[in-house]
Amino acid sequence: MTYKLWWTVGYVCTTEKEFKAAKHRLIPAVYEVLDDALRRANQVSRAGGVAWLLEGDDKTRLDRPGIERTVKKRGAELEVQVPGR
């Protein structure tokens, strides 16, 4: 199973319309586990970026609001765990 996450940081895309126009030029980050993709989306958001779209082979499809709701709901369990802390 793979999950593709399209995200940007900075002023590459500031609106959904700009993202849709640029999507074909963006290279998605690919993850084997949904939680890893959501974890990265959370990190992107914290860094001031935008996670625009998450699509999986299993027909998972989350747009920006869907990603934000999911990360908000599951934020604590998606935190990166540092061994020994």
Protein backbone atom coordinates (compact mmCIF):
# COMPACT_ATOMS: atom_id res chain seq x y z
CA MET A 1 0.00 0.00 0.00
CA THR A 2 1.29 3.47 -0.77
CA TYR A 3 0.08 6.93 0.17
CA LYS A 4 1.08 10.07 -1.72
CA LEU A 5 1.18 13.43 0.03
CA TRP A 6 1.37 16.67 -1.91
CA TRP A 7 2.53 19.59 0.19
CA THR A 8 4.21 22.95 -0.20
CA VAL A 9 6.07 25.39 2.03
CA GLY A 10 6.36 29.07 1.32
CA TYR A 11 4.60 30.85 -1.50
CA VAL A 12 4.63 28.08 -4.10
CA CYS A 13 0.86 27.63 -3.77
CA THR A 14 -1.32 29.80 -1.58
CA THR A 15 -4.75 28.74 -2.83
CA GLU A 16 -6.45 25.50 -3.86
CA LYS A 17 -6.66 26.86 -7.42
CA GLU A 18 -2.89 27.45 -7.54
CA PHE A 19 -2.24 23.97 -6.14
CA LYS A 20 -4.44 22.33 -8.77
CA ALA A 21 -2.64 24.25 -11.50
CA ALA A 22 0.81 23.27 -10.16
CA LYS A 23 0.06 19.69 -9.04
CA HIS A 24 1.40 18.11 -12.22
CA ARG A 25 4.81 19.74 -11.53
CA LEU A 26 4.99 18.79 -7.85
CA ILE A 27 6.54 15.54 -6.72
CA PRO A 28 4.53 13.89 -3.95
CA ALA A 29 6.14 12.34 -0.90
CA VAL A 30 5.35 8.61 -0.86
CA TYR A 31 4.72 6.62 2.32
CA GLU A 32 3.87 2.97 2.93
CA VAL A 33 1.78 3.68 6.04
CA LEU A 34 -1.08 6.19 6.32
CA ASP A 35 0.04 7.34 9.76
CA ASP A 36 3.48 8.23 8.37
CA ALA A 37 1.87 10.41 5.71
CA LEU A 38 -0.36 12.08 8.30
CA ARG A 39 2.64 12.56 10.61
CA ARG A 40 4.47 14.35 7.79
CA ALA A 41 1.40 16.47 7.03
CA ASN A 42 1.39 17.53 10.69
CA GLN A 43 5.10 18.44 10.52
CA VAL A 44 4.54 20.43 7.32
CA SER A 45 1.72 22.36 8.94
CA ARG A 46 3.81 23.15 12.01
CA ALA A 47 6.58 24.45 9.74
CA GLY A 48 4.16 26.88 8.08
CA GLY A 49 3.47 24.79 4.99
CA VAL A 50 0.30 23.31 3.57
CA ALA A 51 -0.54 19.64 3.08
CA TRP A 52 -2.84 19.85 0.05
CA LEU A 53 -3.76 16.30 -0.83
CA LEU A 54 -3.30 12.76 0.44
CA GLU A 55 -4.17 9.84 -1.84
CA GLY A 56 -3.76 6.13 -1.21
CA ASP A 57 -3.89 2.97 -3.29
CA ASP A 58 -6.77 1.91 -1.05
CA LYS A 59 -8.92 4.80 -2.38
CA THR A 60 -8.06 7.06 0.57
CA ARG A 61 -8.43 10.67 -0.53
CA LEU A 62 -8.10 13.58 1.86
CA ASP A 63 -8.07 17.17 0.69
CA ARG A 64 -6.61 20.01 2.74
CA PRO A 65 -9.58 20.37 5.13
CA GLY A 66 -9.78 16.59 5.55
CA ILE A 67 -6.09 16.34 6.36
CA GLU A 68 -6.37 19.21 8.85
CA ARG A 69 -9.39 17.61 10.60
CA THR A 70 -7.69 14.22 10.80
CA VAL A 71 -4.42 15.63 12.12
CA LYS A 72 -6.30 17.74 14.68
CA LYS A 73 -8.28 14.70 15.85
CA ARG A 74 -5.29 12.32 15.95
CA GLY A 75 -2.49 14.81 16.66
CA ALA A 76 -1.24 13.28 19.93
CA GLU A 77 -0.92 9.78 18.51
CA LEU A 78 0.86 11.11 15.42
CA GLU A 79 3.60 12.84 17.40
CA VAL A 80 7.10 11.66 16.54
CA GLN A 81 8.34 9.45 19.37
CA VAL A 82 11.99 9.88 20.29
CA PRO A 83 13.47 6.69 21.75
CA GLY A 84 14.51 7.02 25.40
CA ARG A 85 12.28 10.01 26.19
